């Protein structure tokens, strides 16, 4: 729920939105938050961060694999963006003639799609979509390289917790099962 550079809370996580694609490799139980729940959530984050949803302390480099499935990747050597949606990877190229703006934002336009089974190239990043256009703007939130994934840990969120040890912390947790 933080931008790729670890500096800001992403505003989209401060509203009751549904995402058209998976955001995590874990399967979490369905949760329907009430209006009051969202008010408390937003109140906390509004009081916790500074201007522009910035965190009081920037997060550092990745030291462990993440369950988050990043949507956007930036490759600096080729000035290209890639968007991962489901099994597809969409390519974006720098719009010719555009300059990097003062806040580090750069305009890209969609140019094609990678074959299925491809892997994204580059580092995670955050973008803003241009309304009614195939263009997106890289907003300067470019993250450090992700830590390599640990293929030995699979399964549910609870499986991941138990794999980390410290079973005594989880002995009284009874995960609910959805029918």
N, C-alpha and C. Protein backbone atom coordinates (compact mmCIF):
# COMPACT_ATOMS: atom_id res chain seq x y z
N UNK A 1 0.80 -1.19 0.00
CA UNK A 1 0.00 0.00 0.00
C UNK A 1 0.85 1.26 0.00
N UNK A 2 2.14 1.05 -0.24
CA UNK A 2 3.09 2.15 -0.30
C UNK A 2 3.64 2.22 -1.72
N UNK A 3 3.96 3.43 -2.18
CA UNK A 3 4.53 3.59 -3.51
C UNK A 3 5.83 2.80 -3.61
N UNK A 4 6.24 2.52 -4.84
CA UNK A 4 7.40 1.65 -5.08
C UNK A 4 8.68 2.17 -4.45
N UNK A 5 8.81 3.48 -4.30
CA UNK A 5 10.02 4.03 -3.70
C UNK A 5 9.98 4.03 -2.17
N UNK A 6 8.86 3.57 -1.59
CA UNK A 6 8.74 3.48 -0.13
C UNK A 6 8.56 4.81 0.56
N UNK A 7 8.14 5.85 -0.17
CA UNK A 7 8.02 7.19 0.41
C UNK A 7 6.60 7.59 0.79
N UNK A 8 5.59 7.06 0.08
CA UNK A 8 4.22 7.55 0.25
C UNK A 8 3.22 6.40 0.33
N UNK A 9 2.11 6.65 1.03
CA UNK A 9 0.97 5.74 1.02
C UNK A 9 0.24 5.99 -0.30
N UNK A 10 -0.12 4.93 -1.02
CA UNK A 10 -0.86 5.10 -2.27
C UNK A 10 -2.30 5.49 -1.93
N UNK A 11 -2.75 6.58 -2.52
CA UNK A 11 -4.09 7.11 -2.22
C UNK A 11 -5.20 6.11 -2.52
N UNK A 12 -4.98 5.23 -3.49
CA UNK A 12 -6.04 4.27 -3.86
C UNK A 12 -6.35 3.30 -2.74
N UNK A 13 -5.46 3.15 -1.76
CA UNK A 13 -5.73 2.26 -0.63
C UNK A 13 -6.43 2.97 0.52
N UNK A 14 -6.82 4.21 0.30
CA UNK A 14 -7.54 4.97 1.32
C UNK A 14 -9.01 5.12 0.96
N UNK A 15 -9.49 4.30 0.04
CA UNK A 15 -10.89 4.34 -0.36
C UNK A 15 -11.36 2.91 -0.63
N UNK A 16 -12.65 2.70 -0.51
CA UNK A 16 -13.22 1.37 -0.72
C UNK A 16 -13.32 1.08 -2.21
N UNK A 17 -12.22 0.67 -2.79
CA UNK A 17 -12.18 0.38 -4.23
C UNK A 17 -12.07 -1.11 -4.45
N UNK A 18 -12.57 -1.57 -5.56
CA UNK A 18 -12.31 -2.96 -5.94
C UNK A 18 -11.32 -2.93 -7.09
N UNK A 19 -10.34 -3.81 -7.05
CA UNK A 19 -9.31 -3.85 -8.06
C UNK A 19 -9.62 -4.97 -9.05
N UNK A 20 -9.46 -4.71 -10.34
CA UNK A 20 -9.83 -5.71 -11.34
C UNK A 20 -8.83 -6.87 -11.44
N UNK A 21 -7.76 -6.84 -10.69
CA UNK A 21 -6.75 -7.88 -10.76
C UNK A 21 -6.19 -8.11 -9.36
N UNK A 22 -5.52 -9.24 -9.19
CA UNK A 22 -4.97 -9.58 -7.87
C UNK A 22 -3.85 -8.63 -7.46
N UNK A 23 -3.84 -8.29 -6.19
CA UNK A 23 -2.81 -7.42 -5.64
C UNK A 23 -1.80 -8.18 -4.79
N UNK A 24 -2.07 -9.48 -4.53
CA UNK A 24 -1.22 -10.27 -3.65
C UNK A 24 -1.16 -11.70 -4.14
N UNK A 25 -0.05 -12.35 -3.83
CA UNK A 25 0.06 -13.78 -4.15
C UNK A 25 -0.62 -14.62 -3.07
N UNK A 26 -0.98 -14.01 -1.94
CA UNK A 26 -1.72 -14.70 -0.89
C UNK A 26 -3.22 -14.61 -1.17
N UNK A 27 -3.97 -15.55 -0.66
CA UNK A 27 -5.42 -15.51 -0.74
C UNK A 27 -5.95 -15.13 0.64
N UNK A 28 -6.44 -13.91 0.76
CA UNK A 28 -6.98 -13.43 2.03
C UNK A 28 -8.48 -13.67 2.06
N UNK A 29 -9.06 -13.82 3.24
CA UNK A 29 -10.52 -13.97 3.32
C UNK A 29 -11.22 -12.70 2.83
N UNK A 30 -12.43 -12.85 2.33
CA UNK A 30 -13.21 -11.71 1.88
C UNK A 30 -13.59 -10.85 3.08
N UNK A 31 -13.43 -9.57 2.95
CA UNK A 31 -13.76 -8.64 4.04
C UNK A 31 -14.57 -7.50 3.46
N UNK A 32 -15.73 -7.26 4.02
CA UNK A 32 -16.57 -6.13 3.61
C UNK A 32 -16.51 -5.09 4.72
N UNK A 33 -15.69 -4.07 4.52
CA UNK A 33 -15.53 -3.03 5.53
C UNK A 33 -16.72 -2.08 5.52
N UNK A 34 -17.12 -1.65 6.71
CA UNK A 34 -18.23 -0.71 6.82
C UNK A 34 -17.74 0.71 6.55
N UNK A 35 -18.66 1.63 6.42
CA UNK A 35 -18.31 3.04 6.24
C UNK A 35 -17.52 3.54 7.43
N UNK A 36 -17.91 3.09 8.64
CA UNK A 36 -17.17 3.48 9.85
C UNK A 36 -15.74 2.92 9.84
N UNK A 37 -15.58 1.67 9.36
CA UNK A 37 -14.24 1.07 9.25
C UNK A 37 -13.35 1.94 8.37
N UNK A 38 -13.88 2.36 7.21
CA UNK A 38 -13.10 3.18 6.28
C UNK A 38 -12.78 4.55 6.90
N UNK A 39 -13.70 5.09 7.67
CA UNK A 39 -13.45 6.38 8.31
C UNK A 39 -12.29 6.28 9.30
N UNK A 40 -12.26 5.20 10.09
CA UNK A 40 -11.16 4.99 11.05
C UNK A 40 -9.84 4.79 10.30
N UNK A 41 -9.86 3.95 9.25
CA UNK A 41 -8.67 3.67 8.44
C UNK A 41 -8.10 4.96 7.86
N UNK A 42 -8.96 5.77 7.24
CA UNK A 42 -8.51 7.01 6.62
C UNK A 42 -8.05 8.02 7.66
N UNK A 43 -8.74 8.06 8.80
CA UNK A 43 -8.35 8.98 9.88
C UNK A 43 -6.94 8.63 10.38
N UNK A 44 -6.66 7.33 10.55
CA UNK A 44 -5.33 6.92 11.00
C UNK A 44 -4.27 7.38 10.03
N UNK A 45 -4.43 7.04 8.74
CA UNK A 45 -3.40 7.37 7.76
C UNK A 45 -3.28 8.87 7.56
N UNK A 46 -4.38 9.61 7.68
CA UNK A 46 -4.32 11.07 7.54
C UNK A 46 -3.51 11.69 8.68
N UNK A 47 -3.63 11.12 9.88
CA UNK A 47 -2.87 11.66 11.02
C UNK A 47 -1.43 11.14 11.05
N UNK A 48 -1.17 9.99 10.44
CA UNK A 48 0.14 9.36 10.50
C UNK A 48 1.14 9.97 9.53
N UNK A 49 0.71 10.23 8.31
CA UNK A 49 1.65 10.70 7.30
C UNK A 49 1.63 12.21 7.18
N UNK A 50 2.62 12.71 6.47
CA UNK A 50 2.72 14.15 6.26
C UNK A 50 2.01 14.58 4.98
N UNK A 51 2.44 15.68 4.43
CA UNK A 51 1.87 16.23 3.21
C UNK A 51 2.02 15.25 2.06
N UNK A 52 0.97 15.12 1.25
CA UNK A 52 1.04 14.25 0.08
C UNK A 52 1.11 12.78 0.42
N UNK A 53 0.59 12.40 1.58
CA UNK A 53 0.59 11.01 2.03
C UNK A 53 2.01 10.46 2.22
N UNK A 54 2.97 11.32 2.52
CA UNK A 54 4.34 10.86 2.70
C UNK A 54 4.52 10.20 4.06
N UNK A 55 5.34 9.16 4.09
CA UNK A 55 5.63 8.45 5.33
C UNK A 55 6.64 9.24 6.15
N UNK A 56 6.57 9.18 7.48
CA UNK A 56 7.55 9.91 8.29
C UNK A 56 8.96 9.36 8.13
N UNK A 57 9.08 8.09 7.76
CA UNK A 57 10.39 7.47 7.53
C UNK A 57 10.30 6.65 6.25
N UNK A 58 11.18 6.91 5.31
CA UNK A 58 11.18 6.20 4.03
C UNK A 58 11.58 4.75 4.25
N UNK A 59 10.87 3.84 3.59
CA UNK A 59 11.22 2.43 3.66
C UNK A 59 12.51 2.18 2.87
N UNK A 60 13.28 1.20 3.24
CA UNK A 60 14.54 0.91 2.56
C UNK A 60 14.39 -0.13 1.46
N UNK A 61 15.51 -0.74 1.10
CA UNK A 61 15.52 -1.73 0.03
C UNK A 61 14.79 -2.99 0.48
N UNK A 62 14.41 -3.82 -0.48
CA UNK A 62 13.73 -5.08 -0.19
C UNK A 62 14.74 -6.07 0.38
N UNK A 63 14.42 -6.67 1.53
CA UNK A 63 15.29 -7.68 2.12
C UNK A 63 14.66 -9.07 2.06
N UNK A 64 13.36 -9.12 1.82
CA UNK A 64 12.64 -10.38 1.72
C UNK A 64 11.69 -10.29 0.53
N UNK A 65 11.29 -11.43 0.00
CA UNK A 65 10.31 -11.41 -1.09
C UNK A 65 8.99 -10.81 -0.61
N UNK A 66 8.27 -10.19 -1.50
CA UNK A 66 6.99 -9.58 -1.16
C UNK A 66 5.83 -10.41 -1.71
N UNK A 67 4.72 -10.37 -1.03
CA UNK A 67 3.51 -11.03 -1.53
C UNK A 67 2.79 -10.11 -2.51
N UNK A 68 3.15 -8.84 -2.49
CA UNK A 68 2.48 -7.89 -3.38
C UNK A 68 2.82 -8.20 -4.83
N UNK A 69 1.83 -8.14 -5.67
CA UNK A 69 2.04 -8.32 -7.10
C UNK A 69 2.04 -6.94 -7.74
N UNK A 70 3.23 -6.45 -8.06
CA UNK A 70 3.38 -5.11 -8.61
C UNK A 70 2.80 -5.07 -10.02
N UNK A 71 2.12 -3.99 -10.32
CA UNK A 71 1.51 -3.82 -11.64
C UNK A 71 2.49 -3.19 -12.64
N UNK A 72 3.35 -2.30 -12.18
CA UNK A 72 4.20 -1.52 -13.07
C UNK A 72 5.68 -1.75 -12.80
N UNK A 73 6.47 -1.79 -13.89
CA UNK A 73 7.93 -1.93 -13.82
C UNK A 73 8.58 -0.94 -14.77
N UNK A 74 9.73 -0.37 -14.37
CA UNK A 74 10.45 0.60 -15.19
C UNK A 74 11.87 0.09 -15.43
N UNK A 75 12.29 0.13 -16.70
CA UNK A 75 13.64 -0.26 -17.08
C UNK A 75 14.36 1.00 -17.56
N UNK A 76 15.28 1.52 -16.74
CA UNK A 76 15.95 2.79 -17.04
C UNK A 76 16.84 2.70 -18.28
N UNK A 77 17.50 1.56 -18.49
CA UNK A 77 18.44 1.46 -19.62
C UNK A 77 17.75 1.59 -20.98
N UNK A 78 16.47 1.25 -21.05
CA UNK A 78 15.73 1.35 -22.31
C UNK A 78 14.60 2.38 -22.25
N UNK A 79 14.46 3.05 -21.11
CA UNK A 79 13.38 4.03 -20.89
C UNK A 79 12.02 3.45 -21.25
N UNK A 80 11.74 2.24 -20.74
CA UNK A 80 10.46 1.60 -21.02
C UNK A 80 9.73 1.25 -19.73
N UNK A 81 8.41 1.20 -19.83
CA UNK A 81 7.55 0.75 -18.74
C UNK A 81 6.89 -0.55 -19.17
N UNK A 82 6.58 -1.39 -18.19
CA UNK A 82 5.79 -2.59 -18.45
C UNK A 82 4.68 -2.65 -17.40
N UNK A 83 3.47 -3.01 -17.87
CA UNK A 83 2.31 -3.17 -16.99
C UNK A 83 1.92 -4.64 -16.98
N UNK A 84 1.86 -5.23 -15.80
CA UNK A 84 1.47 -6.63 -15.65
C UNK A 84 0.01 -6.69 -15.22
N UNK A 85 -0.82 -7.26 -16.09
CA UNK A 85 -2.25 -7.39 -15.81
C UNK A 85 -2.63 -8.83 -16.12
N UNK A 86 -2.95 -9.61 -15.09
CA UNK A 86 -3.24 -11.03 -15.29
C UNK A 86 -2.02 -11.72 -15.87
N UNK A 87 -2.18 -12.41 -16.98
CA UNK A 87 -1.07 -13.10 -17.64
C UNK A 87 -0.40 -12.24 -18.70
N UNK A 88 -0.90 -11.03 -18.93
CA UNK A 88 -0.36 -10.18 -19.99
C UNK A 88 0.63 -9.15 -19.44
N UNK A 89 1.62 -8.82 -20.25
CA UNK A 89 2.56 -7.74 -19.94
C UNK A 89 2.50 -6.75 -21.09
N UNK A 90 2.03 -5.53 -20.79
CA UNK A 90 1.89 -4.47 -21.78
C UNK A 90 3.13 -3.59 -21.76
N UNK A 91 3.65 -3.27 -22.94
CA UNK A 91 4.83 -2.42 -23.06
C UNK A 91 4.44 -0.97 -23.33
N UNK A 92 5.18 -0.05 -22.72
CA UNK A 92 4.99 1.38 -22.92
C UNK A 92 6.35 1.98 -23.25
N UNK A 93 6.36 2.95 -24.16
CA UNK A 93 7.61 3.64 -24.48
C UNK A 93 7.48 5.12 -24.17
N UNK A 94 8.63 5.75 -23.98
CA UNK A 94 8.68 7.17 -23.69
C UNK A 94 8.10 7.94 -24.87
N UNK A 95 7.22 8.88 -24.60
CA UNK A 95 6.65 9.71 -25.65
C UNK A 95 7.73 10.67 -26.13
N UNK A 96 8.04 10.60 -27.44
CA UNK A 96 9.10 11.44 -28.01
C UNK A 96 8.79 12.91 -27.81
N UNK A 97 9.83 13.66 -27.49
CA UNK A 97 9.67 15.09 -27.32
C UNK A 97 9.24 15.50 -25.93
N UNK A 98 8.96 14.54 -25.06
CA UNK A 98 8.56 14.93 -23.70
C UNK A 98 9.81 15.07 -22.84
N UNK A 99 9.75 15.99 -21.95
CA UNK A 99 10.85 16.25 -21.03
C UNK A 99 10.46 15.73 -19.66
N UNK A 100 11.45 15.41 -18.87
CA UNK A 100 11.17 15.04 -17.48
C UNK A 100 10.74 16.30 -16.75
N UNK A 101 9.60 16.25 -16.08
CA UNK A 101 9.08 17.40 -15.37
C UNK A 101 9.83 17.60 -14.07
N UNK A 102 9.59 18.73 -13.41
CA UNK A 102 10.33 19.06 -12.19
C UNK A 102 10.15 18.04 -11.08
N UNK A 103 9.00 17.37 -11.01
CA UNK A 103 8.78 16.38 -9.96
C UNK A 103 9.19 14.99 -10.40
N UNK A 104 9.86 14.86 -11.53
CA UNK A 104 10.33 13.55 -11.97
C UNK A 104 9.31 12.75 -12.76
N UNK A 105 8.21 13.37 -13.20
CA UNK A 105 7.20 12.62 -13.95
C UNK A 105 7.53 12.62 -15.44
N UNK A 106 7.34 11.47 -16.08
CA UNK A 106 7.66 11.29 -17.49
C UNK A 106 6.47 10.60 -18.15
N UNK A 107 6.08 11.05 -19.36
CA UNK A 107 4.93 10.53 -20.08
C UNK A 107 5.32 9.35 -20.98
N UNK A 108 4.54 8.27 -20.91
CA UNK A 108 4.74 7.06 -21.72
C UNK A 108 3.44 6.71 -22.43
N UNK A 109 3.54 6.03 -23.58
CA UNK A 109 2.35 5.57 -24.27
C UNK A 109 2.47 4.08 -24.58
N UNK A 110 1.32 3.41 -24.61
CA UNK A 110 1.29 1.95 -24.82
C UNK A 110 1.68 1.62 -26.26
N UNK A 111 2.54 0.59 -26.42
CA UNK A 111 3.00 0.23 -27.77
C UNK A 111 2.77 -1.23 -28.13
N UNK A 112 2.48 -2.11 -27.19
CA UNK A 112 2.28 -3.51 -27.54
C UNK A 112 2.18 -4.39 -26.32
N UNK A 113 2.13 -5.71 -26.58
CA UNK A 113 1.96 -6.70 -25.52
C UNK A 113 2.99 -7.80 -25.69
N UNK A 114 3.57 -8.26 -24.58
CA UNK A 114 4.55 -9.36 -24.59
C UNK A 114 3.82 -10.69 -24.75
N UNK A 115 4.51 -11.71 -25.28
CA UNK A 115 3.91 -13.04 -25.33
C UNK A 115 3.65 -13.57 -23.92
N UNK A 116 2.63 -14.42 -23.79
CA UNK A 116 2.33 -15.02 -22.49
C UNK A 116 3.55 -15.78 -21.97
N UNK A 117 3.73 -15.76 -20.67
CA UNK A 117 4.87 -16.45 -20.06
C UNK A 117 6.08 -15.56 -19.89
N UNK A 118 6.04 -14.33 -20.40
CA UNK A 118 7.16 -13.40 -20.24
C UNK A 118 7.22 -12.91 -18.80
N UNK A 119 8.39 -12.46 -18.40
CA UNK A 119 8.58 -11.88 -17.07
C UNK A 119 8.84 -10.39 -17.23
N UNK A 120 8.33 -9.56 -16.31
CA UNK A 120 8.60 -8.12 -16.42
C UNK A 120 10.08 -7.83 -16.19
N UNK A 121 10.54 -6.73 -16.78
CA UNK A 121 11.93 -6.32 -16.67
C UNK A 121 11.99 -4.98 -15.95
N UNK A 122 12.98 -4.81 -15.10
CA UNK A 122 13.16 -3.53 -14.43
C UNK A 122 12.76 -3.59 -12.97
N UNK A 123 12.54 -2.41 -12.40
CA UNK A 123 12.18 -2.30 -10.99
C UNK A 123 10.76 -1.78 -10.86
N UNK A 124 10.12 -2.08 -9.74
CA UNK A 124 8.74 -1.64 -9.52
C UNK A 124 8.70 -0.11 -9.51
N UNK A 125 7.56 0.41 -9.94
CA UNK A 125 7.40 1.86 -9.99
C UNK A 125 5.92 2.20 -9.83
N UNK A 126 5.63 3.48 -9.68
CA UNK A 126 4.26 3.94 -9.56
C UNK A 126 3.96 4.90 -10.70
N UNK A 127 2.75 4.78 -11.25
CA UNK A 127 2.35 5.62 -12.37
C UNK A 127 0.98 6.24 -12.12
N UNK A 128 0.64 7.25 -12.92
CA UNK A 128 -0.68 7.85 -12.92
C UNK A 128 -1.22 7.69 -14.34
N UNK A 129 -2.43 7.20 -14.45
CA UNK A 129 -3.06 6.99 -15.75
C UNK A 129 -3.60 8.30 -16.30
N UNK A 130 -3.39 8.54 -17.60
CA UNK A 130 -3.93 9.71 -18.27
C UNK A 130 -5.36 9.39 -18.69
N UNK A 131 -6.32 10.16 -18.18
CA UNK A 131 -7.74 9.89 -18.41
C UNK A 131 -8.07 9.85 -19.91
N UNK A 132 -8.73 8.76 -20.35
CA UNK A 132 -9.19 8.63 -21.73
C UNK A 132 -8.08 8.52 -22.75
N UNK A 133 -6.92 8.03 -22.34
CA UNK A 133 -5.76 7.97 -23.23
C UNK A 133 -4.98 6.69 -22.94
N UNK A 134 -4.24 6.18 -23.96
CA UNK A 134 -3.39 5.02 -23.71
C UNK A 134 -2.07 5.41 -23.04
N UNK A 135 -1.99 6.64 -22.55
CA UNK A 135 -0.76 7.13 -21.94
C UNK A 135 -0.80 7.04 -20.42
N UNK A 136 0.37 6.90 -19.83
CA UNK A 136 0.54 6.92 -18.39
C UNK A 136 1.72 7.81 -18.06
N UNK A 137 1.77 8.30 -16.83
CA UNK A 137 2.87 9.15 -16.40
C UNK A 137 3.61 8.47 -15.25
N UNK A 138 4.90 8.24 -15.45
CA UNK A 138 5.76 7.73 -14.39
C UNK A 138 5.98 8.88 -13.43
N UNK A 139 5.64 8.71 -12.16
CA UNK A 139 5.65 9.84 -11.22
C UNK A 139 6.91 9.93 -10.37
N UNK A 140 7.96 9.25 -10.78
CA UNK A 140 9.21 9.37 -10.06
C UNK A 140 9.33 8.44 -8.87
N UNK A 141 8.27 7.66 -8.58
CA UNK A 141 8.31 6.71 -7.47
C UNK A 141 8.86 5.39 -7.98
N UNK A 142 10.17 5.34 -8.15
CA UNK A 142 10.82 4.15 -8.69
C UNK A 142 11.48 3.41 -7.53
N UNK A 143 11.13 2.14 -7.39
CA UNK A 143 11.60 1.38 -6.25
C UNK A 143 12.94 0.72 -6.47
N UNK A 144 13.52 0.21 -5.39
CA UNK A 144 14.73 -0.60 -5.51
C UNK A 144 14.37 -1.96 -6.08
N UNK A 145 15.36 -2.73 -6.55
CA UNK A 145 15.05 -4.08 -7.04
C UNK A 145 14.35 -4.92 -5.97
N UNK A 146 13.40 -5.75 -6.41
CA UNK A 146 12.70 -6.64 -5.48
C UNK A 146 13.63 -7.76 -5.04
N UNK A 147 13.44 -8.26 -3.84
CA UNK A 147 14.21 -9.41 -3.37
C UNK A 147 13.76 -10.64 -4.14
N UNK A 148 14.67 -11.58 -4.41
CA UNK A 148 14.26 -12.79 -5.14
C UNK A 148 13.19 -13.56 -4.38
N UNK A 149 12.29 -14.19 -5.13
CA UNK A 149 11.21 -14.92 -4.48
C UNK A 149 11.72 -16.22 -3.88
N UNK A 150 11.04 -16.65 -2.84
CA UNK A 150 11.37 -17.90 -2.17
C UNK A 150 10.35 -18.94 -2.62
N UNK A 151 10.71 -19.73 -3.60
CA UNK A 151 9.79 -20.70 -4.20
C UNK A 151 9.42 -21.82 -3.23
N UNK A 152 10.17 -21.95 -2.13
CA UNK A 152 9.88 -23.06 -1.20
C UNK A 152 8.64 -22.79 -0.34
N UNK A 153 8.20 -21.53 -0.28
CA UNK A 153 7.04 -21.20 0.54
C UNK A 153 5.86 -20.95 -0.39
N UNK A 154 4.87 -21.79 -0.29
CA UNK A 154 3.66 -21.64 -1.11
C UNK A 154 2.45 -21.76 -0.20
N UNK A 155 1.29 -21.59 -0.77
CA UNK A 155 0.06 -21.80 0.00
C UNK A 155 -0.57 -20.52 0.48
N UNK A 156 -1.29 -20.65 1.57
CA UNK A 156 -2.09 -19.54 2.09
C UNK A 156 -1.25 -18.61 2.96
N UNK A 157 -1.89 -17.53 3.39
CA UNK A 157 -1.26 -16.59 4.29
C UNK A 157 -0.85 -17.28 5.59
N UNK A 158 -1.74 -18.15 6.11
CA UNK A 158 -1.43 -18.88 7.34
C UNK A 158 -0.23 -19.80 7.15
N UNK A 159 -0.14 -20.46 5.98
CA UNK A 159 1.02 -21.31 5.70
C UNK A 159 2.31 -20.49 5.78
N UNK A 160 2.27 -19.27 5.27
CA UNK A 160 3.43 -18.38 5.30
C UNK A 160 3.78 -18.03 6.74
N UNK A 161 2.77 -17.72 7.55
CA UNK A 161 3.03 -17.39 8.95
C UNK A 161 3.70 -18.55 9.67
N UNK A 162 3.16 -19.75 9.49
CA UNK A 162 3.71 -20.93 10.16
C UNK A 162 5.11 -21.25 9.66
N UNK A 163 5.40 -20.98 8.39
CA UNK A 163 6.72 -21.26 7.83
C UNK A 163 7.80 -20.39 8.48
N UNK A 164 7.39 -19.23 9.02
CA UNK A 164 8.35 -18.33 9.64
C UNK A 164 8.72 -18.72 11.06
N UNK A 165 8.13 -19.77 11.60
CA UNK A 165 8.42 -20.19 12.97
C UNK A 165 7.56 -19.45 13.97
N UNK A 166 7.89 -19.58 15.23
CA UNK A 166 7.16 -18.89 16.28
C UNK A 166 5.72 -19.36 16.38
N UNK A 167 5.49 -20.67 16.27
CA UNK A 167 4.14 -21.21 16.28
C UNK A 167 3.34 -20.75 17.50
N UNK A 168 4.01 -20.50 18.63
CA UNK A 168 3.32 -20.07 19.84
C UNK A 168 2.53 -18.78 19.60
N UNK A 169 2.97 -17.94 18.65
CA UNK A 169 2.25 -16.70 18.38
C UNK A 169 0.91 -16.95 17.70
N UNK A 170 0.79 -18.08 17.02
CA UNK A 170 -0.38 -18.34 16.20
C UNK A 170 -1.27 -19.46 16.76
N UNK A 171 -0.89 -20.02 17.91
CA UNK A 171 -1.60 -21.21 18.39
C UNK A 171 -3.07 -20.98 18.70
N UNK A 172 -3.47 -19.75 19.01
CA UNK A 172 -4.88 -19.49 19.32
C UNK A 172 -5.64 -18.87 18.16
N UNK A 173 -5.00 -18.73 17.02
CA UNK A 173 -5.67 -18.18 15.84
C UNK A 173 -6.38 -19.28 15.11
N UNK A 174 -7.66 -19.09 14.89
CA UNK A 174 -8.46 -20.07 14.15
C UNK A 174 -8.93 -19.38 12.87
N UNK A 175 -8.24 -19.62 11.74
CA UNK A 175 -8.68 -18.96 10.51
C UNK A 175 -10.07 -19.43 10.10
N UNK A 176 -10.90 -18.49 9.70
CA UNK A 176 -12.24 -18.87 9.26
C UNK A 176 -12.15 -19.42 7.85
N UNK A 177 -13.01 -20.32 7.54
CA UNK A 177 -13.06 -20.94 6.22
C UNK A 177 -14.31 -20.46 5.51
N UNK A 178 -14.17 -19.99 4.30
CA UNK A 178 -15.34 -19.57 3.53
C UNK A 178 -15.88 -20.78 2.78
N UNK A 179 -17.22 -20.91 2.71
CA UNK A 179 -17.79 -22.10 2.04
C UNK A 179 -17.50 -22.11 0.55
